[in-house]
Every structure is written in C-alpha cells, then in structure tokens.
Amino acid sequence: MDDYLALSLLIMGIAIGALLVIWGAMSLYFFLRKKHRAKKIQERIVVREEAERKYREEQENQKTNDK
C-alpha cells in the first residue's frame, strides 16, 4: 500500500510541476506580447506626431505664401 501512495504522490507532484511550468510559460508569453504591443503603439505615436508636425509646417508655409 505504501508503494501506491508514494507512486500517486510522485505522479501528483509531476502533474503539479507541469501545470506550474505551463502557467509560467503562458505568463511570460502574455507579458512579452503586451510589451511588444506597447512598443508598436509607441512607434505609431511617434510617426503620427511627425506627420502632424509636417502638416502644421506646410499650413504655416501656405499662410505665409498667401499673404
């Protein structure tokens, strides 16, 4: 009977360990994906601000040329 108890505890320990490894891998994946998404959004903001700056400069130049 003690052999079955030891074997079942060993199997449960392996199963719990596997679940912890899977949980850790998923957490790391979601963290890295969130970080990558934030980087992409930041790049889009920089591009948009640059385009707005160029547009404002063009508008200023048109106003000065019209006068």
PDB file of N, CA and C in Angstrom:
ATOM      1  N   MET A   1       0.821  -1.197   0.000  1.00  0.00           N
ATOM      2  CA  MET A   1       0.000   0.000   0.000  1.00  0.00           C
ATOM      3  C   MET A   1       0.865   1.261   0.000  1.00  0.00           C
ATOM      4  N   ASP A   2       1.971   1.225   0.704  1.00  0.00           N
ATOM      5  CA  ASP A   2       2.848   2.389   0.746  1.00  0.00           C
ATOM      6  C   ASP A   2       3.451   2.689  -0.621  1.00  0.00           C
ATOM      7  N   ASP A   3       3.668   1.660  -1.421  1.00  0.00           N
ATOM      8  CA  ASP A   3       4.208   1.874  -2.762  1.00  0.00           C
ATOM      9  C   ASP A   3       3.218   2.649  -3.631  1.00  0.00           C
ATOM     10  N   TYR A   4       1.932   2.308  -3.514  1.00  0.00           N
ATOM     11  CA  TYR A   4       0.917   3.011  -4.299  1.00  0.00           C
ATOM     12  C   TYR A   4       0.784   4.464  -3.855  1.00  0.00           C
ATOM     13  N   LEU A   5       0.876   4.707  -2.565  1.00  0.00           N
ATOM     14  CA  LEU A   5       0.806   6.070  -2.044  1.00  0.00           C
ATOM     15  C   LEU A   5       1.997   6.887  -2.537  1.00  0.00           C
ATOM     16  N   ALA A   6       3.174   6.318  -2.475  1.00  0.00           N
ATOM     17  CA  ALA A   6       4.369   7.021  -2.944  1.00  0.00           C
ATOM     18  C   ALA A   6       4.283   7.284  -4.442  1.00  0.00           C
ATOM     19  N   LEU A   7       3.808   6.303  -5.183  1.00  0.00           N
ATOM     20  CA  LEU A   7       3.685   6.470  -6.631  1.00  0.00           C
ATOM     21  C   LEU A   7       2.655   7.539  -6.975  1.00  0.00           C
ATOM     22  N   SER A   8       1.521   7.529  -6.273  1.00  0.00           N
ATOM     23  CA  SER A   8       0.487   8.526  -6.557  1.00  0.00           C
ATOM     24  C   SER A   8       0.968   9.924  -6.173  1.00  0.00           C
ATOM     25  N   LEU A   9       1.695  10.049  -5.070  1.00  0.00           N
ATOM     26  CA  LEU A   9       2.242  11.354  -4.694  1.00  0.00           C
ATOM     27  C   LEU A   9       3.274  11.831  -5.711  1.00  0.00           C
ATOM     28  N   LEU A  10       4.074  10.929  -6.216  1.00  0.00           N
ATOM     29  CA  LEU A  10       5.055  11.279  -7.236  1.00  0.00           C
ATOM     30  C   LEU A  10       4.365  11.756  -8.513  1.00  0.00           C
ATOM     31  N   ILE A  11       3.341  11.035  -8.926  1.00  0.00           N
ATOM     32  CA  ILE A  11       2.602  11.423 -10.138  1.00  0.00           C
ATOM     33  C   ILE A  11       1.917  12.769  -9.936  1.00  0.00           C
ATOM     34  N   MET A  12       1.314  12.982  -8.763  1.00  0.00           N
ATOM     35  CA  MET A  12       0.674  14.276  -8.495  1.00  0.00           C
ATOM     36  C   MET A  12       1.709  15.396  -8.478  1.00  0.00           C
ATOM     37  N   GLY A  13       2.872  15.138  -7.927  1.00  0.00           N
ATOM     38  CA  GLY A  13       3.926  16.152  -7.910  1.00  0.00           C
ATOM     39  C   GLY A  13       4.385  16.514  -9.308  1.00  0.00           C
ATOM     40  N   ILE A  14       4.529  15.511 -10.152  1.00  0.00           N
ATOM     41  CA  ILE A  14       4.921  15.767 -11.543  1.00  0.00           C
ATOM     42  C   ILE A  14       3.831  16.550 -12.265  1.00  0.00           C
ATOM     43  N   ALA A  15       2.571  16.187 -12.027  1.00  0.00           N
ATOM     44  CA  ALA A  15       1.460  16.887 -12.681  1.00  0.00           C
ATOM     45  C   ALA A  15       1.395  18.342 -12.231  1.00  0.00           C
ATOM     46  N   ILE A  16       1.542  18.582 -10.942  1.00  0.00           N
ATOM     47  CA  ILE A  16       1.518  19.960 -10.434  1.00  0.00           C
ATOM     48  C   ILE A  16       2.713  20.742 -10.981  1.00  0.00           C
ATOM     49  N   GLY A  17       3.862  20.121 -11.043  1.00  0.00           N
ATOM     50  CA  GLY A  17       5.037  20.779 -11.617  1.00  0.00           C
ATOM     51  C   GLY A  17       4.832  21.142 -13.076  1.00  0.00           C
ATOM     52  N   ALA A  18       4.220  20.235 -13.830  1.00  0.00           N
ATOM     53  CA  ALA A  18       3.951  20.512 -15.243  1.00  0.00           C
ATOM     54  C   ALA A  18       2.972  21.670 -15.383  1.00  0.00           C
ATOM     55  N   LEU A  19       1.952  21.710 -14.534  1.00  0.00           N
ATOM     56  CA  LEU A  19       0.997  22.822 -14.586  1.00  0.00           C
ATOM     57  C   LEU A  19       1.670  24.146 -14.249  1.00  0.00           C
ATOM     58  N   LEU A  20       2.573  24.133 -13.284  1.00  0.00           N
ATOM     59  CA  LEU A  20       3.295  25.363 -12.941  1.00  0.00           C
ATOM     60  C   LEU A  20       4.190  25.827 -14.087  1.00  0.00           C
ATOM     61  N   VAL A  21       4.825  24.898 -14.765  1.00  0.00           N
ATOM     62  CA  VAL A  21       5.667  25.254 -15.916  1.00  0.00           C
ATOM     63  C   VAL A  21       4.808  25.847 -17.030  1.00  0.00           C
ATOM     64  N   ILE A  22       3.667  25.230 -17.304  1.00  0.00           N
ATOM     65  CA  ILE A  22       2.767  25.746 -18.346  1.00  0.00           C
ATOM     66  C   ILE A  22       2.264  27.133 -17.962  1.00  0.00           C
ATOM     67  N   TRP A  23       1.877  27.308 -16.705  1.00  0.00           N
ATOM     68  CA  TRP A  23       1.388  28.604 -16.240  1.00  0.00           C
ATOM     69  C   TRP A  23       2.479  29.676 -16.376  1.00  0.00           C
ATOM     70  N   GLY A  24       3.698  29.341 -16.012  1.00  0.00           N
ATOM     71  CA  GLY A  24       4.804  30.289 -16.133  1.00  0.00           C
ATOM     72  C   GLY A  24       5.095  30.653 -17.578  1.00  0.00           C
ATOM     73  N   ALA A  25       5.043  29.671 -18.458  1.00  0.00           N
ATOM     74  CA  ALA A  25       5.290  29.938 -19.880  1.00  0.00           C
ATOM     75  C   ALA A  25       4.199  30.837 -20.456  1.00  0.00           C
ATOM     76  N   MET A  26       2.958  30.587 -20.083  1.00  0.00           N
ATOM     77  CA  MET A  26       1.861  31.427 -20.581  1.00  0.00           C
ATOM     78  C   MET A  26       1.978  32.848 -20.044  1.00  0.00           C
ATOM     79  N   SER A  27       2.348  32.985 -18.779  1.00  0.00           N
ATOM     80  CA  SER A  27       2.522  34.316 -18.201  1.00  0.00           C
ATOM     81  C   SER A  27       3.627  35.081 -18.924  1.00  0.00           C
ATOM     82  N   LEU A  28       4.728  34.418 -19.188  1.00  0.00           N
ATOM     83  CA  LEU A  28       5.829  35.049 -19.907  1.00  0.00           C
ATOM     84  C   LEU A  28       5.406  35.445 -21.315  1.00  0.00           C
ATOM     85  N   TYR A  29       4.668  34.576 -21.994  1.00  0.00           N
ATOM     86  CA  TYR A  29       4.196  34.862 -23.346  1.00  0.00           C
ATOM     87  C   TYR A  29       3.305  36.102 -23.358  1.00  0.00           C
ATOM     88  N   PHE A  30       2.335  36.167 -22.433  1.00  0.00           N
ATOM     89  CA  PHE A  30       1.428  37.314 -22.416  1.00  0.00           C
ATOM     90  C   PHE A  30       2.157  38.595 -22.037  1.00  0.00           C
ATOM     91  N   PHE A  31       3.133  38.502 -21.131  1.00  0.00           N
ATOM     92  CA  PHE A  31       3.909  39.681 -20.760  1.00  0.00           C
ATOM     93  C   PHE A  31       4.698  40.210 -21.950  1.00  0.00           C
ATOM     94  N   LEU A  32       5.372  39.310 -22.671  1.00  0.00           N
ATOM     95  CA  LEU A  32       6.171  39.742 -23.819  1.00  0.00           C
ATOM     96  C   LEU A  32       5.289  40.285 -24.933  1.00  0.00           C
ATOM     97  N   ARG A  33       4.111  39.677 -25.127  1.00  0.00           N
ATOM     98  CA  ARG A  33       3.194  40.160 -26.156  1.00  0.00           C
ATOM     99  C   ARG A  33       2.695  41.558 -25.810  1.00  0.00           C
ATOM    100  N   LYS A  34       2.373  41.791 -24.537  1.00  0.00           N
ATOM    101  CA  LYS A  34       1.918  43.102 -24.093  1.00  0.00           C
ATOM    102  C   LYS A  34       3.022  44.140 -24.278  1.00  0.00           C
ATOM    103  N   LYS A  35       4.250  43.767 -23.941  1.00  0.00           N
ATOM    104  CA  LYS A  35       5.389  44.675 -24.090  1.00  0.00           C
ATOM    105  C   LYS A  35       5.612  45.016 -25.566  1.00  0.00           C
ATOM    106  N   HIS A  36       5.520  44.007 -26.440  1.00  0.00           N
ATOM    107  CA  HIS A  36       5.698  44.227 -27.873  1.00  0.00           C
ATOM    108  C   HIS A  36       4.598  45.140 -28.412  1.00  0.00           C
ATOM    109  N   ARG A  37       3.358  44.911 -27.963  1.00  0.00           N
ATOM    110  CA  ARG A  37       2.240  45.742 -28.412  1.00  0.00           C
ATOM    111  C   ARG A  37       2.435  47.186 -27.978  1.00  0.00           C
ATOM    112  N   ALA A  38       2.909  47.397 -26.760  1.00  0.00           N
ATOM    113  CA  ALA A  38       3.150  48.752 -26.268  1.00  0.00           C
ATOM    114  C   ALA A  38       4.233  49.437 -27.099  1.00  0.00           C
ATOM    115  N   LYS A  39       5.251  48.690 -27.490  1.00  0.00           N
ATOM    116  CA  LYS A  39       6.323  49.257 -28.318  1.00  0.00           C
ATOM    117  C   LYS A  39       5.775  49.670 -29.683  1.00  0.00           C
ATOM    118  N   LYS A  40       4.925  48.832 -30.276  1.00  0.00           N
ATOM    119  CA  LYS A  40       4.340  49.159 -31.578  1.00  0.00           C
ATOM    120  C   LYS A  40       3.467  50.408 -31.484  1.00  0.00           C
ATOM    121  N   ILE A  41       2.680  50.520 -30.414  1.00  0.00           N
ATOM    122  CA  ILE A  41       1.827  51.694 -30.234  1.00  0.00           C
ATOM    123  C   ILE A  41       2.682  52.942 -30.086  1.00  0.00           C
ATOM    124  N   GLN A  42       3.766  52.850 -29.333  1.00  0.00           N
ATOM    125  CA  GLN A  42       4.656  53.993 -29.156  1.00  0.00           C
ATOM    126  C   GLN A  42       5.263  54.419 -30.495  1.00  0.00           C
ATOM    127  N   GLU A  43       5.639  53.461 -31.334  1.00  0.00           N
ATOM    128  CA  GLU A  43       6.181  53.787 -32.653  1.00  0.00           C
ATOM    129  C   GLU A  43       5.132  54.495 -33.507  1.00  0.00           C
ATOM    130  N   ARG A  44       3.887  54.046 -33.444  1.00  0.00           N
ATOM    131  CA  ARG A  44       2.816  54.695 -34.208  1.00  0.00           C
ATOM    132  C   ARG A  44       2.588  56.122 -33.736  1.00  0.00           C
ATOM    133  N   ILE A  45       2.682  56.342 -32.424  1.00  0.00           N
ATOM    134  CA  ILE A  45       2.503  57.693 -31.887  1.00  0.00           C
ATOM    135  C   ILE A  45       3.596  58.614 -32.415  1.00  0.00           C
ATOM    136  N   VAL A  46       4.826  58.139 -32.451  1.00  0.00           N
ATOM    137  CA  VAL A  46       5.938  58.957 -32.946  1.00  0.00           C
ATOM    138  C   VAL A  46       5.719  59.308 -34.416  1.00  0.00           C
ATOM    139  N   VAL A  47       5.297  58.330 -35.219  1.00  0.00           N
ATOM    140  CA  VAL A  47       5.057  58.578 -36.643  1.00  0.00           C
ATOM    141  C   VAL A  47       3.924  59.584 -36.820  1.00  0.00           C
ATOM    142  N   ARG A  48       2.864  59.432 -36.032  1.00  0.00           N
ATOM    143  CA  ARG A  48       1.718  60.343 -36.140  1.00  0.00           C
ATOM    144  C   ARG A  48       2.104  61.762 -35.745  1.00  0.00           C
ATOM    145  N   GLU A  49       2.893  61.911 -34.672  1.00  0.00           N
ATOM    146  CA  GLU A  49       3.326  63.241 -34.253  1.00  0.00           C
ATOM    147  C   GLU A  49       4.207  63.891 -35.314  1.00  0.00           C
ATOM    148  N   GLU A  50       5.056  63.108 -35.945  1.00  0.00           N
ATOM    149  CA  GLU A  50       5.907  63.635 -37.012  1.00  0.00           C
ATOM    150  C   GLU A  50       5.057  64.108 -38.193  1.00  0.00           C
ATOM    151  N   ALA A  51       4.049  63.323 -38.552  1.00  0.00           N
ATOM    152  CA  ALA A  51       3.171  63.710 -39.659  1.00  0.00           C
ATOM    153  C   ALA A  51       2.392  64.976 -39.313  1.00  0.00           C
ATOM    154  N   GLU A  52       1.921  65.084 -38.074  1.00  0.00           N
ATOM    155  CA  GLU A  52       1.204  66.294 -37.663  1.00  0.00           C
ATOM    156  C   GLU A  52       2.116  67.512 -37.705  1.00  0.00           C
ATOM    157  N   ARG A  53       3.368  67.349 -37.290  1.00  0.00           N
ATOM    158  CA  ARG A  53       4.319  68.462 -37.311  1.00  0.00           C
ATOM    159  C   ARG A  53       4.564  68.931 -38.741  1.00  0.00           C
ATOM    160  N   LYS A  54       4.748  67.976 -39.659  1.00  0.00           N
ATOM    161  CA  LYS A  54       4.959  68.340 -41.061  1.00  0.00           C
ATOM    162  C   LYS A  54       3.730  69.037 -41.634  1.00  0.00           C
ATOM    163  N   TYR A  55       2.545  68.545 -41.282  1.00  0.00           N
ATOM    164  CA  TYR A  55       1.307  69.150 -41.778  1.00  0.00           C
ATOM    165  C   TYR A  55       1.185  70.590 -41.282  1.00  0.00           C
ATOM    166  N   ARG A  56       1.493  70.818 -40.003  1.00  0.00           N
ATOM    167  CA  ARG A  56       1.414  72.182 -39.459  1.00  0.00           C
ATOM    168  C   ARG A  56       2.423  73.101 -40.133  1.00  0.00           C
ATOM    169  N   GLU A  57       3.618  72.587 -40.406  1.00  0.00           N
ATOM    170  CA  GLU A  57       4.622  73.403 -41.099  1.00  0.00           C
ATOM    171  C   GLU A  57       4.141  73.771 -42.495  1.00  0.00           C
ATOM    172  N   GLU A  58       3.524  72.814 -43.193  1.00  0.00           N
ATOM    173  CA  GLU A  58       3.001  73.105 -44.527  1.00  0.00           C
ATOM    174  C   GLU A  58       1.892  74.144 -44.463  1.00  0.00           C
ATOM    175  N   GLN A  59       1.033  74.051 -43.462  1.00  0.00           N
ATOM    176  CA  GLN A  59      -0.041  75.031 -43.304  1.00  0.00           C
ATOM    177  C   GLN A  59       0.532  76.412 -43.016  1.00  0.00           C
ATOM    178  N   GLU A  60       1.558  76.474 -42.184  1.00  0.00           N
ATOM    179  CA  GLU A  60       2.206  77.757 -41.883  1.00  0.00           C
ATOM    180  C   GLU A  60       2.829  78.344 -43.152  1.00  0.00           C
ATOM    181  N   ASN A  61       3.489  77.498 -43.944  1.00  0.00           N
ATOM    182  CA  ASN A  61       4.117  77.969 -45.177  1.00  0.00           C
ATOM    183  C   ASN A  61       3.067  78.465 -46.161  1.00  0.00           C
ATOM    184  N   GLN A  62       1.937  77.793 -46.252  1.00  0.00           N
ATOM    185  CA  GLN A  62       0.878  78.235 -47.159  1.00  0.00           C
ATOM    186  C   GLN A  62       0.298  79.567 -46.704  1.00  0.00           C
ATOM    187  N   LYS A  63       0.152  79.754 -45.409  1.00  0.00           N
ATOM    188  CA  LYS A  63      -0.378  81.018 -44.887  1.00  0.00           C
ATOM    189  C   LYS A  63       0.580  82.161 -45.186  1.00  0.00           C
ATOM    190  N   THR A  64       1.874  81.923 -45.020  1.00  0.00           N
ATOM    191  CA  THR A  64       2.844  82.990 -45.283  1.00  0.00           C
ATOM    192  C   THR A  64       2.951  83.262 -46.779  1.00  0.00           C
ATOM    193  N   ASN A  65       2.780  82.246 -47.618  1.00  0.00           N
ATOM    194  CA  ASN A  65       2.841  82.446 -49.063  1.00  0.00           C
ATOM    195  C   ASN A  65       1.598  83.158 -49.576  1.00  0.00           C
ATOM    196  N   ASP A  66       0.456  82.947 -48.944  1.00  0.00           N
ATOM    197  CA  ASP A  66      -0.786  83.591 -49.372  1.00  0.00           C
ATOM    198  C   ASP A  66      -0.780  85.075 -49.057  1.00  0.00           C
ATOM    199  N   LYS A  67      -0.038  85.490 -48.060  1.00  0.00           N
ATOM    200  CA  LYS A  67      -0.015  86.905 -47.671  1.00  0.00           C
ATOM    201  C   LYS A  67       0.845  87.660 -48.590  1.00  0.00           C
TER     202      LYS A  67
END
